Amino acid sequence: MDTAILIWNRVTSHTGLFKNIISDGDQKSTSAVWTNLHTLLGTKLSLSTAYHPQTDGLAERMIQTLEDMIRRSCAYGL
């Protein structure tokens, strides 16, 4: 929960809401709760194809970028 709050407060306040979120189709990300949340926020949920290395690489890079942003925010007490 703390990570979600940090992302909400730090990332979305600077960049705005995400326009598109890419998921591997996990049941957690395609549940009714998440589907409704995407509708309310105006974000688009895109599902990647199974075993698609290019998409996996892009997702991993974005995760690394977000982790770096969170670490820096914590290190500087932001």
PDB file of N, CA and C in Angstrom:
ATOM      1  N   MET A   1       0.819  -1.190   0.000  1.00  0.00           N
ATOM      2  CA  MET A   1       0.000   0.000   0.000  1.00  0.00           C
ATOM      3  C   MET A   1       0.866   1.257   0.000  1.00  0.00           C
ATOM      4  N   ASP A   2       1.974   1.235   0.768  1.00  0.00           N
ATOM      5  CA  ASP A   2       2.854   2.400   0.821  1.00  0.00           C
ATOM      6  C   ASP A   2       3.432   2.730  -0.550  1.00  0.00           C
ATOM      7  N   THR A   3       3.798   1.689  -1.302  1.00  0.00           N
ATOM      8  CA  THR A   3       4.355   1.910  -2.635  1.00  0.00           C
ATOM      9  C   THR A   3       3.311   2.528  -3.551  1.00  0.00           C
ATOM     10  N   ALA A   4       2.095   2.031  -3.478  1.00  0.00           N
ATOM     11  CA  ALA A   4       1.018   2.582  -4.309  1.00  0.00           C
ATOM     12  C   ALA A   4       0.775   4.049  -3.985  1.00  0.00           C
ATOM     13  N   ILE A   5       0.789   4.387  -2.707  1.00  0.00           N
ATOM     14  CA  ILE A   5       0.589   5.783  -2.298  1.00  0.00           C
ATOM     15  C   ILE A   5       1.744   6.646  -2.777  1.00  0.00           C
ATOM     16  N   LEU A   6       2.965   6.134  -2.657  1.00  0.00           N
ATOM     17  CA  LEU A   6       4.136   6.882  -3.115  1.00  0.00           C
ATOM     18  C   LEU A   6       4.062   7.136  -4.618  1.00  0.00           C
ATOM     19  N   ILE A   7       3.707   6.110  -5.377  1.00  0.00           N
ATOM     20  CA  ILE A   7       3.578   6.288  -6.830  1.00  0.00           C
ATOM     21  C   ILE A   7       2.492   7.314  -7.129  1.00  0.00           C
ATOM     22  N   TRP A   8       1.369   7.203  -6.450  1.00  0.00           N
ATOM     23  CA  TRP A   8       0.277   8.157  -6.674  1.00  0.00           C
ATOM     24  C   TRP A   8       0.730   9.581  -6.371  1.00  0.00           C
ATOM     25  N   ASN A   9       1.376   9.775  -5.223  1.00  0.00           N
ATOM     26  CA  ASN A   9       1.774  11.117  -4.797  1.00  0.00           C
ATOM     27  C   ASN A   9       2.934  11.685  -5.602  1.00  0.00           C
ATOM     28  N   ARG A  10       3.895  10.865  -5.940  1.00  0.00           N
ATOM     29  CA  ARG A  10       5.115  11.366  -6.586  1.00  0.00           C
ATOM     30  C   ARG A  10       5.090  11.289  -8.106  1.00  0.00           C
ATOM     31  N   VAL A  11       4.674  10.177  -8.640  1.00  0.00           N
ATOM     32  CA  VAL A  11       4.743   9.991 -10.091  1.00  0.00           C
ATOM     33  C   VAL A  11       3.582  10.685 -10.783  1.00  0.00           C
ATOM     34  N   THR A  12       2.368  10.383 -10.375  1.00  0.00           N
ATOM     35  CA  THR A  12       1.226  10.961 -11.084  1.00  0.00           C
ATOM     36  C   THR A  12       1.110  12.464 -10.877  1.00  0.00           C
ATOM     37  N   SER A  13       1.647  12.977  -9.783  1.00  0.00           N
ATOM     38  CA  SER A  13       1.593  14.430  -9.585  1.00  0.00           C
ATOM     39  C   SER A  13       2.493  15.160 -10.574  1.00  0.00           C
ATOM     40  N   HIS A  14       3.536  14.483 -11.067  1.00  0.00           N
ATOM     41  CA  HIS A  14       4.454  15.099 -12.031  1.00  0.00           C
ATOM     42  C   HIS A  14       4.091  14.759 -13.473  1.00  0.00           C
ATOM     43  N   THR A  15       3.629  13.536 -13.694  1.00  0.00           N
ATOM     44  CA  THR A  15       3.392  13.082 -15.062  1.00  0.00           C
ATOM     45  C   THR A  15       1.925  13.014 -15.438  1.00  0.00           C
ATOM     46  N   GLY A  16       1.050  13.050 -14.447  1.00  0.00           N
ATOM     47  CA  GLY A  16      -0.365  12.830 -14.712  1.00  0.00           C
ATOM     48  C   GLY A  16      -0.665  11.344 -14.686  1.00  0.00           C
ATOM     49  N   LEU A  17      -1.916  11.009 -14.904  1.00  0.00           N
ATOM     50  CA  LEU A  17      -2.305   9.605 -14.895  1.00  0.00           C
ATOM     51  C   LEU A  17      -1.736   8.888 -16.104  1.00  0.00           C
ATOM     52  N   PHE A  18      -1.510   7.609 -15.937  1.00  0.00           N
ATOM     53  CA  PHE A  18      -1.044   6.797 -17.049  1.00  0.00           C
ATOM     54  C   PHE A  18      -2.143   6.720 -18.094  1.00  0.00           C
ATOM     55  N   LYS A  19      -1.781   6.805 -19.363  1.00  0.00           N
ATOM     56  CA  LYS A  19      -2.768   6.709 -20.435  1.00  0.00           C
ATOM     57  C   LYS A  19      -3.009   5.262 -20.829  1.00  0.00           C
ATOM     58  N   ASN A  20      -1.959   4.461 -20.751  1.00  0.00           N
ATOM     59  CA  ASN A  20      -2.042   3.078 -21.188  1.00  0.00           C
ATOM     60  C   ASN A  20      -1.230   2.217 -20.235  1.00  0.00           C
ATOM     61  N   ILE A  21      -1.804   1.120 -19.803  1.00  0.00           N
ATOM     62  CA  ILE A  21      -1.111   0.174 -18.939  1.00  0.00           C
ATOM     63  C   ILE A  21      -1.089  -1.157 -19.664  1.00  0.00           C
ATOM     64  N   ILE A  22       0.099  -1.738 -19.781  1.00  0.00           N
ATOM     65  CA  ILE A  22       0.252  -3.016 -20.469  1.00  0.00           C
ATOM     66  C   ILE A  22       0.382  -4.112 -19.425  1.00  0.00           C
ATOM     67  N   SER A  23      -0.437  -5.137 -19.574  1.00  0.00           N
ATOM     68  CA  SER A  23      -0.443  -6.257 -18.638  1.00  0.00           C
ATOM     69  C   SER A  23      -0.229  -7.554 -19.397  1.00  0.00           C
ATOM     70  N   ASP A  24       0.248  -8.554 -18.672  1.00  0.00           N
ATOM     71  CA  ASP A  24       0.431  -9.865 -19.283  1.00  0.00           C
ATOM     72  C   ASP A  24      -0.855 -10.692 -19.271  1.00  0.00           C
ATOM     73  N   GLY A  25      -1.943 -10.093 -18.836  1.00  0.00           N
ATOM     74  CA  GLY A  25      -3.223 -10.789 -18.829  1.00  0.00           C
ATOM     75  C   GLY A  25      -3.484 -11.570 -17.557  1.00  0.00           C
ATOM     76  N   ASP A  26      -2.681 -11.341 -16.538  1.00  0.00           N
ATOM     77  CA  ASP A  26      -2.881 -11.991 -15.246  1.00  0.00           C
ATOM     78  C   ASP A  26      -4.296 -11.709 -14.756  1.00  0.00           C
ATOM     79  N   GLN A  27      -4.904 -12.686 -14.090  1.00  0.00           N
ATOM     80  CA  GLN A  27      -6.277 -12.520 -13.612  1.00  0.00           C
ATOM     81  C   GLN A  27      -6.414 -11.334 -12.667  1.00  0.00           C
ATOM     82  N   LYS A  28      -5.360 -11.012 -11.929  1.00  0.00           N
ATOM     83  CA  LYS A  28      -5.417  -9.875 -11.009  1.00  0.00           C
ATOM     84  C   LYS A  28      -5.634  -8.567 -11.770  1.00  0.00           C
ATOM     85  N   SER A  29      -4.960  -8.427 -12.899  1.00  0.00           N
ATOM     86  CA  SER A  29      -5.039  -7.163 -13.637  1.00  0.00           C
ATOM     87  C   SER A  29      -6.270  -7.068 -14.525  1.00  0.00           C
ATOM     88  N   THR A  30      -6.954  -8.178 -14.738  1.00  0.00           N
ATOM     89  CA  THR A  30      -8.147  -8.146 -15.589  1.00  0.00           C
ATOM     90  C   THR A  30      -9.429  -8.352 -14.789  1.00  0.00           C
ATOM     91  N   SER A  31      -9.329  -8.289 -13.472  1.00  0.00           N
ATOM     92  CA  SER A  31     -10.515  -8.469 -12.627  1.00  0.00           C
ATOM     93  C   SER A  31     -11.477  -7.301 -12.814  1.00  0.00           C
ATOM     94  N   ALA A  32     -12.692  -7.487 -12.348  1.00  0.00           N
ATOM     95  CA  ALA A  32     -13.719  -6.446 -12.480  1.00  0.00           C
ATOM     96  C   ALA A  32     -13.304  -5.160 -11.777  1.00  0.00           C
ATOM     97  N   VAL A  33     -12.629  -5.288 -10.637  1.00  0.00           N
ATOM     98  CA  VAL A  33     -12.190  -4.095  -9.902  1.00  0.00           C
ATOM     99  C   VAL A  33     -11.237  -3.273 -10.758  1.00  0.00           C
ATOM    100  N   TRP A  34     -10.233  -3.924 -11.329  1.00  0.00           N
ATOM    101  CA  TRP A  34      -9.259  -3.196 -12.140  1.00  0.00           C
ATOM    102  C   TRP A  34      -9.876  -2.674 -13.421  1.00  0.00           C
ATOM    103  N   THR A  35     -10.761  -3.457 -14.031  1.00  0.00           N
ATOM    104  CA  THR A  35     -11.433  -3.006 -15.249  1.00  0.00           C
ATOM    105  C   THR A  35     -12.248  -1.750 -14.969  1.00  0.00           C
ATOM    106  N   ASN A  36     -12.983  -1.752 -13.858  1.00  0.00           N
ATOM    107  CA  ASN A  36     -13.762  -0.568 -13.484  1.00  0.00           C
ATOM    108  C   ASN A  36     -12.860   0.617 -13.158  1.00  0.00           C
ATOM    109  N   LEU A  37     -11.745   0.356 -12.484  1.00  0.00           N
ATOM    110  CA  LEU A  37     -10.810   1.429 -12.150  1.00  0.00           C
ATOM    111  C   LEU A  37     -10.249   2.073 -13.412  1.00  0.00           C
ATOM    112  N   HIS A  38      -9.883   1.261 -14.393  1.00  0.00           N
ATOM    113  CA  HIS A  38      -9.379   1.806 -15.661  1.00  0.00           C
ATOM    114  C   HIS A  38     -10.442   2.669 -16.332  1.00  0.00           C
ATOM    115  N   THR A  39     -11.681   2.235 -16.280  1.00  0.00           N
ATOM    116  CA  THR A  39     -12.771   3.010 -16.868  1.00  0.00           C
ATOM    117  C   THR A  39     -12.923   4.355 -16.160  1.00  0.00           C
ATOM    118  N   LEU A  40     -12.912   4.330 -14.840  1.00  0.00           N
ATOM    119  CA  LEU A  40     -13.070   5.566 -14.067  1.00  0.00           C
ATOM    120  C   LEU A  40     -11.918   6.541 -14.285  1.00  0.00           C
ATOM    121  N   LEU A  41     -10.695   6.016 -14.390  1.00  0.00           N
ATOM    122  CA  LEU A  41      -9.518   6.876 -14.545  1.00  0.00           C
ATOM    123  C   LEU A  41      -9.257   7.271 -15.993  1.00  0.00           C
ATOM    124  N   GLY A  42      -9.930   6.602 -16.912  1.00  0.00           N
ATOM    125  CA  GLY A  42      -9.719   6.911 -18.321  1.00  0.00           C
ATOM    126  C   GLY A  42      -8.440   6.321 -18.875  1.00  0.00           C
ATOM    127  N   THR A  43      -7.948   5.265 -18.235  1.00  0.00           N
ATOM    128  CA  THR A  43      -6.752   4.598 -18.736  1.00  0.00           C
ATOM    129  C   THR A  43      -7.156   3.408 -19.586  1.00  0.00           C
ATOM    130  N   LYS A  44      -6.257   3.007 -20.462  1.00  0.00           N
ATOM    131  CA  LYS A  44      -6.521   1.877 -21.335  1.00  0.00           C
ATOM    132  C   LYS A  44      -5.669   0.707 -20.867  1.00  0.00           C
ATOM    133  N   LEU A  45      -6.272  -0.460 -20.742  1.00  0.00           N
ATOM    134  CA  LEU A  45      -5.537  -1.665 -20.386  1.00  0.00           C
ATOM    135  C   LEU A  45      -5.269  -2.447 -21.655  1.00  0.00           C
ATOM    136  N   SER A  46      -3.999  -2.621 -21.980  1.00  0.00           N
ATOM    137  CA  SER A  46      -3.607  -3.404 -23.146  1.00  0.00           C
ATOM    138  C   SER A  46      -2.995  -4.706 -22.654  1.00  0.00           C
ATOM    139  N   LEU A  47      -3.371  -5.796 -23.285  1.00  0.00           N
ATOM    140  CA  LEU A  47      -2.829  -7.094 -22.909  1.00  0.00           C
ATOM    141  C   LEU A  47      -1.747  -7.493 -23.896  1.00  0.00           C
ATOM    142  N   SER A  48      -0.611  -7.903 -23.363  1.00  0.00           N
ATOM    143  CA  SER A  48       0.478  -8.349 -24.225  1.00  0.00           C
ATOM    144  C   SER A  48       0.230  -9.799 -24.620  1.00  0.00           C
ATOM    145  N   THR A  49       0.864 -10.204 -25.683  1.00  0.00           N
ATOM    146  CA  THR A  49       0.772 -11.601 -26.084  1.00  0.00           C
ATOM    147  C   THR A  49       1.726 -12.417 -25.227  1.00  0.00           C
ATOM    148  N   ALA A  50       1.408 -13.673 -25.064  1.00  0.00           N
ATOM    149  CA  ALA A  50       2.244 -14.546 -24.241  1.00  0.00           C
ATOM    150  C   ALA A  50       3.619 -14.718 -24.877  1.00  0.00           C
ATOM    151  N   TYR A  51       4.621 -14.717 -24.033  1.00  0.00           N
ATOM    152  CA  TYR A  51       6.008 -14.953 -24.454  1.00  0.00           C
ATOM    153  C   TYR A  51       6.460 -13.983 -25.545  1.00  0.00           C
ATOM    154  N   HIS A  52       6.178 -12.716 -25.351  1.00  0.00           N
ATOM    155  CA  HIS A  52       6.577 -11.690 -26.318  1.00  0.00           C
ATOM    156  C   HIS A  52       7.737 -10.905 -25.719  1.00  0.00           C
ATOM    157  N   PRO A  53       8.970 -11.245 -26.079  1.00  0.00           N
ATOM    158  CA  PRO A  53      10.136 -10.656 -25.416  1.00  0.00           C
ATOM    159  C   PRO A  53      10.234  -9.138 -25.522  1.00  0.00           C
ATOM    160  N   GLN A  54       9.808  -8.549 -26.639  1.00  0.00           N
ATOM    161  CA  GLN A  54       9.901  -7.103 -26.783  1.00  0.00           C
ATOM    162  C   GLN A  54       9.014  -6.401 -25.757  1.00  0.00           C
ATOM    163  N   THR A  55       7.788  -6.883 -25.603  1.00  0.00           N
ATOM    164  CA  THR A  55       6.881  -6.285 -24.627  1.00  0.00           C
ATOM    165  C   THR A  55       7.390  -6.509 -23.220  1.00  0.00           C
ATOM    166  N   ASP A  56       7.879  -7.710 -22.948  1.00  0.00           N
ATOM    167  CA  ASP A  56       8.431  -8.008 -21.626  1.00  0.00           C
ATOM    168  C   ASP A  56       9.596  -7.073 -21.315  1.00  0.00           C
ATOM    169  N   GLY A  57      10.441  -6.828 -22.295  1.00  0.00           N
ATOM    170  CA  GLY A  57      11.586  -5.938 -22.096  1.00  0.00           C
ATOM    171  C   GLY A  57      11.159  -4.510 -21.806  1.00  0.00           C
ATOM    172  N   LEU A  58      10.154  -4.023 -22.526  1.00  0.00           N
ATOM    173  CA  LEU A  58       9.643  -2.672 -22.278  1.00  0.00           C
ATOM    174  C   LEU A  58       9.052  -2.560 -20.880  1.00  0.00           C
ATOM    175  N   ALA A  59       8.305  -3.578 -20.483  1.00  0.00           N
ATOM    176  CA  ALA A  59       7.695  -3.564 -19.149  1.00  0.00           C
ATOM    177  C   ALA A  59       8.772  -3.586 -18.075  1.00  0.00           C
ATOM    178  N   GLU A  60       9.776  -4.432 -18.242  1.00  0.00           N
ATOM    179  CA  GLU A  60      10.853  -4.512 -17.255  1.00  0.00           C
ATOM    180  C   GLU A  60      11.599  -3.182 -17.160  1.00  0.00           C
ATOM    181  N   ARG A  61      11.801  -2.522 -18.277  1.00  0.00           N
ATOM    182  CA  ARG A  61      12.491  -1.231 -18.267  1.00  0.00           C
ATOM    183  C   ARG A  61      11.663  -0.186 -17.525  1.00  0.00           C
ATOM    184  N   MET A  62      10.363  -0.169 -17.735  1.00  0.00           N
ATOM    185  CA  MET A  62       9.498   0.780 -17.042  1.00  0.00           C
ATOM    186  C   MET A  62       9.484   0.505 -15.544  1.00  0.00           C
ATOM    187  N   ILE A  63       9.450  -0.767 -15.176  1.00  0.00           N
ATOM    188  CA  ILE A  63       9.495  -1.124 -13.754  1.00  0.00           C
ATOM    189  C   ILE A  63      10.789  -0.625 -13.138  1.00  0.00           C
ATOM    190  N   GLN A  64      11.905  -0.807 -13.837  1.00  0.00           N
ATOM    191  CA  GLN A  64      13.200  -0.333 -13.337  1.00  0.00           C
ATOM    192  C   GLN A  64      13.197   1.186 -13.171  1.00  0.00           C
ATOM    193  N   THR A  65      12.621   1.892 -14.130  1.00  0.00           N
ATOM    194  CA  THR A  65      12.545   3.352 -14.045  1.00  0.00           C
ATOM    195  C   THR A  65      11.720   3.783 -12.837  1.00  0.00           C
ATOM    196  N   LEU A  66      10.574   3.146 -12.627  1.00  0.00           N
ATOM    197  CA  LEU A  66       9.739   3.479 -11.471  1.00  0.00           C
ATOM    198  C   LEU A  66      10.451   3.169 -10.160  1.00  0.00           C
ATOM    199  N   GLU A  67      11.149   2.036 -10.108  1.00  0.00           N
ATOM    200  CA  GLU A  67      11.898   1.695  -8.896  1.00  0.00           C
ATOM    201  C   GLU A  67      12.970   2.742  -8.612  1.00  0.00           C
ATOM    202  N   ASP A  68      13.666   3.187  -9.647  1.00  0.00           N
ATOM    203  CA  ASP A  68      14.692   4.228  -9.476  1.00  0.00           C
ATOM    204  C   ASP A  68      14.075   5.521  -8.958  1.00  0.00           C
ATOM    205  N   MET A  69      12.923   5.903  -9.508  1.00  0.00           N
ATOM    206  CA  MET A  69      12.253   7.127  -9.061  1.00  0.00           C
ATOM    207  C   MET A  69      11.839   7.023  -7.597  1.00  0.00           C
ATOM    208  N   ILE A  70      11.334   5.863  -7.210  1.00  0.00           N
ATOM    209  CA  ILE A  70      10.913   5.665  -5.821  1.00  0.00           C
ATOM    210  C   ILE A  70      12.116   5.714  -4.893  1.00  0.00           C
ATOM    211  N   ARG A  71      13.218   5.046  -5.271  1.00  0.00           N
ATOM    212  CA  ARG A  71      14.428   5.068  -4.442  1.00  0.00           C
ATOM    213  C   ARG A  71      14.945   6.489  -4.254  1.00  0.00           C
ATOM    214  N   ARG A  72      14.979   7.250  -5.327  1.00  0.00           N
ATOM    215  CA  ARG A  72      15.471   8.633  -5.230  1.00  0.00           C
ATOM    216  C   ARG A  72      14.557   9.485  -4.358  1.00  0.00           C
ATOM    217  N   SER A  73      13.254   9.284  -4.504  1.00  0.00           N
ATOM    218  CA  SER A  73      12.312  10.033  -3.670  1.00  0.00           C
ATOM    219  C   SER A  73      12.525   9.721  -2.200  1.00  0.00           C
ATOM    220  N   CYS A  74      12.737   8.457  -1.892  1.00  0.00           N
ATOM    221  CA  CYS A  74      12.962   8.054  -0.497  1.00  0.00           C
ATOM    222  C   CYS A  74      14.303   8.572   0.009  1.00  0.00           C
ATOM    223  N   ALA A  75      15.329   8.515  -0.841  1.00  0.00           N
ATOM    224  CA  ALA A  75      16.669   8.948  -0.431  1.00  0.00           C
ATOM    225  C   ALA A  75      16.713  10.438  -0.134  1.00  0.00           C
ATOM    226  N   TYR A  76      15.965  11.217  -0.879  1.00  0.00           N
ATOM    227  CA  TYR A  76      15.959  12.668  -0.693  1.00  0.00           C
ATOM    228  C   TYR A  76      14.843  13.132   0.233  1.00  0.00           C
ATOM    229  N   GLY A  77      14.101  12.184   0.785  1.00  0.00           N
ATOM    230  CA  GLY A  77      13.034  12.531   1.715  1.00  0.00           C
ATOM    231  C   GLY A  77      11.898  13.304   1.087  1.00  0.00           C
ATOM    232  N   LEU A  78      11.646  13.033  -0.177  1.00  0.00           N
ATOM    233  CA  LEU A  78      10.582  13.765  -0.879  1.00  0.00           C
ATOM    234  C   LEU A  78       9.248  13.224  -0.538  1.00  0.00           C
TER     235      LEU A  78
END
